[in-house]
Amino acid sequence: MTTIKINTEEPVDYVELEDVVDFNCVVIKGNRDYISHEEAPWWKEANEFIRDMDTFGTDEESFFWYDNDWDKLTNEQKTEIIRLYDECQRSDDYRFIMNVIKVLHPNLELEGCTIRGYCQGDWQDVIYEKGIDVDLLEAVYFGKITDIIVENGDDCYGDWITDDELWEAERHEDNLTDFFRKRYDIPDDEEVEIYKSNGIIRTIKWEKVC
């Protein structure tokens, strides 16, 4: 018999964001209350050009003072980046920075969105290369995942599932047992019992002192 326990009471603290996301392909920023990730090379490169314009301006006399290597760009790229900068309202707006990246790397397919947690203040802007599972990123980043414990005799192991995936399984699958049979490759003739947490009981421990 296989026993499956769904623990919704405690956070899943063993899953790290870097386990599911390549930070060379994703940028997370915008909300100062949360950790940002701005390591992607295309993001850093674009911000180096933007930093020059922030610091020295965009008139021709300013070009002499630029720190970045603008000479590696074509005249069309230089003109377009400066035009985008002069027309933007905020140089730290991720949509503006995405447009600069597209000038630098026209073949790079980028998308942007805002991910959200369960509370109003739980949000971050995300810029990512096409193909990134942004729903999975959102779930892990904001802890919208649930701990699963699978027990079969002496064999016991842990797993995790996104809250959205669990919600779908509970409400739209024909049978929750069948969902877990497929997930964990449990034979059809094996009995399966599923438990879901329903609160935590804490007991005071007493120690005699006199």
Protein backbone atom coordinates (compact mmCIF):
# COMPACT_ATOMS: atom_id res chain seq x y z
CA MET A 1 0.00 0.00 0.00
CA THR A 2 1.15 3.52 -0.78
CA THR A 3 0.27 6.39 1.53
CA ILE A 4 0.39 9.95 0.25
CA LYS A 5 0.35 12.88 2.68
CA ILE A 6 -0.34 16.41 1.47
CA ASN A 7 1.14 18.89 3.93
CA THR A 8 -0.40 22.33 3.46
CA GLU A 9 0.51 23.57 6.94
CA GLU A 10 4.24 24.17 6.61
CA PRO A 11 6.35 25.95 3.98
CA VAL A 12 8.47 23.93 1.56
CA ASP A 13 11.90 25.23 2.56
CA TYR A 14 14.06 22.75 0.65
CA VAL A 15 13.28 24.02 -2.86
CA GLU A 16 15.56 26.80 -4.10
CA LEU A 17 14.70 29.07 -7.01
CA GLU A 18 17.95 28.21 -8.77
CA ASP A 19 16.78 24.59 -8.86
CA VAL A 20 14.11 25.53 -11.42
CA VAL A 21 15.43 28.74 -13.03
CA ASP A 22 18.59 29.64 -14.95
CA PHE A 23 19.47 33.18 -13.90
CA ASN A 24 21.31 33.68 -17.18
CA CYS A 25 17.89 33.63 -18.84
CA VAL A 26 15.72 35.41 -16.26
CA VAL A 27 15.67 38.77 -14.48
CA ILE A 28 13.54 39.38 -11.39
CA LYS A 29 13.26 42.93 -10.06
CA GLY A 30 10.98 45.79 -9.10
CA ASN A 31 9.82 45.10 -5.55
CA ARG A 32 12.41 46.16 -2.99
CA ASP A 33 10.78 43.97 -0.34
CA TYR A 34 11.91 40.88 -2.23
CA ILE A 35 15.21 39.53 -3.50
CA SER A 36 16.08 40.60 -7.03
CA HIS A 37 18.11 38.66 -9.60
CA GLU A 38 19.78 40.72 -12.32
CA GLU A 39 22.64 38.45 -13.38
CA ALA A 40 21.53 37.78 -16.96
CA PRO A 41 24.33 38.97 -19.31
CA TRP A 42 21.97 40.71 -21.74
CA TRP A 43 20.42 42.64 -18.86
CA LYS A 44 23.76 43.74 -17.42
CA GLU A 45 24.98 44.81 -20.85
CA ALA A 46 21.94 46.98 -21.54
CA ASN A 47 22.20 48.63 -18.14
CA GLU A 48 25.83 49.54 -18.77
CA PHE A 49 24.76 51.59 -21.79
CA ILE A 50 21.86 53.10 -19.86
CA ARG A 51 24.16 54.01 -16.97
CA ASP A 52 26.27 56.10 -19.35
CA MET A 53 23.21 58.06 -20.46
CA ASP A 54 21.97 58.45 -16.89
CA THR A 55 25.32 59.81 -15.80
CA PHE A 56 26.42 61.97 -18.73
CA GLY A 57 23.30 62.67 -20.81
CA THR A 58 22.71 62.04 -24.51
CA ASP A 59 24.01 65.11 -26.33
CA GLU A 60 27.03 64.70 -28.58
CA GLU A 61 29.40 66.37 -26.12
CA SER A 62 28.55 63.67 -23.58
CA PHE A 63 29.72 60.81 -25.81
CA PHE A 64 33.36 61.50 -24.94
CA TRP A 65 32.72 60.63 -21.31
CA TYR A 66 30.87 57.36 -21.85
CA ASP A 67 32.50 54.42 -20.04
CA ASN A 68 30.96 51.64 -22.10
CA ASP A 69 32.17 50.53 -25.52
CA TRP A 70 29.67 52.25 -27.79
CA ASP A 71 31.99 51.80 -30.78
CA LYS A 72 31.00 48.14 -31.02
CA LEU A 73 27.48 49.25 -31.96
CA THR A 74 26.32 50.32 -35.41
CA ASN A 75 25.25 53.91 -35.91
CA GLU A 76 21.67 52.70 -36.23
CA GLN A 77 21.89 50.95 -32.85
CA LYS A 78 23.39 54.00 -31.16
CA THR A 79 20.74 56.29 -32.59
CA GLU A 80 17.89 53.98 -31.62
CA ILE A 81 19.11 53.43 -28.04
CA ILE A 82 19.48 57.18 -27.49
CA ARG A 83 16.04 57.79 -29.01
CA LEU A 84 14.49 55.21 -26.68
CA TYR A 85 16.23 56.78 -23.71
CA ASP A 86 15.14 60.32 -24.56
CA GLU A 87 11.51 59.17 -24.93
CA CYS A 88 11.29 56.97 -21.83
CA GLN A 89 9.82 58.26 -18.57
CA ARG A 90 12.02 56.14 -16.28
CA SER A 91 15.30 54.53 -17.26
CA ASP A 92 14.76 51.72 -14.73
CA ASP A 93 11.43 50.68 -16.28
CA TYR A 94 11.88 47.07 -17.33
CA ARG A 95 9.88 47.66 -20.53
CA PHE A 96 12.33 50.36 -21.62
CA ILE A 97 15.31 48.17 -20.76
CA MET A 98 13.76 45.31 -22.74
CA ASN A 99 13.55 47.61 -25.78
CA VAL A 100 17.24 48.47 -25.41
CA ILE A 101 18.08 44.76 -25.22
CA LYS A 102 16.11 44.12 -28.40
CA VAL A 103 18.25 46.75 -30.17
CA LEU A 104 21.42 45.08 -28.90
CA HIS A 105 20.21 41.53 -29.55
CA PRO A 106 17.45 41.57 -32.18
CA ASN A 107 17.31 37.76 -32.35
CA LEU A 108 16.81 37.34 -28.61
CA GLU A 109 13.15 36.63 -27.84
CA LEU A 110 12.25 38.22 -24.51
CA GLU A 111 8.98 38.49 -22.67
CA GLY A 112 8.00 40.44 -19.56
CA CYS A 113 5.28 40.13 -16.96
CA THR A 114 4.50 40.62 -13.28
CA ILE A 115 4.39 37.60 -11.01
CA ARG A 116 2.27 37.63 -7.86
CA GLY A 117 1.92 35.81 -4.56
CA TYR A 118 -1.12 35.52 -2.34
CA CYS A 119 -0.89 38.96 -0.70
CA GLN A 120 -1.29 42.36 -2.36
CA GLY A 121 2.34 43.27 -1.74
CA ASP A 122 3.63 40.02 -3.21
CA TRP A 123 4.75 40.96 -6.70
CA GLN A 124 7.84 41.20 -8.87
CA ASP A 125 8.56 42.11 -12.48
CA VAL A 126 10.10 39.33 -14.54
CA ILE A 127 11.94 39.56 -17.86
CA TYR A 128 12.71 36.18 -19.36
CA GLU A 129 13.78 34.41 -22.49
CA LYS A 130 11.06 32.67 -24.43
CA GLY A 131 10.53 29.11 -23.21
CA ILE A 132 10.91 29.80 -19.49
CA ASP A 133 8.07 28.33 -17.38
CA VAL A 134 7.08 31.58 -15.68
CA ASP A 135 4.20 29.92 -13.78
CA LEU A 136 6.66 27.54 -12.13
CA LEU A 137 9.00 30.45 -11.41
CA GLU A 138 6.17 32.38 -9.75
CA ALA A 139 5.14 29.38 -7.63
CA VAL A 140 8.63 28.71 -6.30
CA TYR A 141 9.56 32.38 -5.85
CA PHE A 142 6.52 33.13 -3.71
CA GLY A 143 6.33 29.74 -2.02
CA LYS A 144 3.10 28.71 -3.72
CA ILE A 145 4.07 25.06 -3.46
CA THR A 146 2.96 22.18 -1.26
CA ASP A 147 4.95 19.41 0.39
CA ILE A 148 4.10 15.81 -0.51
CA ILE A 149 5.21 12.76 1.49
CA VAL A 150 5.04 9.36 -0.19
CA GLU A 151 5.29 6.25 1.98
CA ASN A 152 5.42 2.66 0.77
CA GLY A 153 6.51 0.19 3.42
CA ASP A 154 10.05 1.07 4.43
CA ASP A 155 10.39 3.41 1.47
CA CYS A 156 9.59 7.06 2.19
CA TYR A 157 10.44 10.11 0.11
CA GLY A 158 9.40 13.71 -0.27
CA ASP A 159 8.16 15.65 -3.25
CA TRP A 160 6.52 18.99 -3.92
CA ILE A 161 3.79 20.26 -6.18
CA THR A 162 2.65 23.73 -7.13
CA ASP A 163 -0.53 24.91 -5.44
CA ASP A 164 -2.15 25.51 -8.82
CA GLU A 165 -1.38 21.98 -9.97
CA LEU A 166 -2.78 20.55 -6.75
CA TRP A 167 -5.88 22.74 -7.05
CA GLU A 168 -6.47 21.49 -10.57
CA ALA A 169 -5.98 17.87 -9.50
CA GLU A 170 -8.43 18.19 -6.62
CA ARG A 171 -11.15 19.86 -8.66
CA HIS A 172 -10.79 18.85 -12.26
CA GLU A 173 -9.23 15.41 -12.28
CA ASP A 174 -11.68 12.50 -12.37
CA ASN A 175 -9.97 11.00 -9.37
CA LEU A 176 -7.21 12.38 -7.12
CA THR A 177 -5.95 8.84 -6.58
CA ASP A 178 -5.50 8.38 -10.33
CA PHE A 179 -3.59 11.66 -10.48
CA PHE A 180 -1.05 10.43 -7.92
CA ARG A 181 -0.92 6.96 -9.47
CA LYS A 182 0.27 8.56 -12.70
CA ARG A 183 2.60 10.99 -10.92
CA TYR A 184 4.38 8.29 -8.90
CA ASP A 185 3.89 5.34 -11.26
CA ILE A 186 1.86 3.35 -8.73
CA PRO A 187 0.43 0.07 -10.10
CA ASP A 188 -3.33 -0.07 -10.62
CA ASP A 189 -3.70 -3.04 -8.29
CA GLU A 190 -1.93 -1.33 -5.39
CA GLU A 191 -4.02 0.33 -2.70
CA VAL A 192 -3.52 4.05 -2.26
CA GLU A 193 -4.51 6.16 0.75
CA ILE A 194 -4.34 9.96 0.60
CA TYR A 195 -4.22 12.24 3.63
CA LYS A 196 -4.31 16.01 3.76
CA SER A 197 -3.11 18.06 6.72
CA ASN A 198 -5.81 19.68 8.84
CA GLY A 199 -4.05 21.87 11.37
CA ILE A 200 -1.09 21.40 13.72
CA ILE A 201 -1.32 20.17 17.31
CA ARG A 202 1.36 21.47 19.67
CA THR A 203 1.94 19.76 23.03
CA ILE A 204 3.69 21.38 26.00
CA LYS A 205 6.53 19.33 27.38
CA TRP A 206 6.89 19.49 31.18
CA GLU A 207 10.16 19.01 33.03
CA LYS A 208 10.36 18.69 36.82
CA VAL A 209 12.55 21.44 38.31
CA CYS A 210 12.03 20.89 42.04
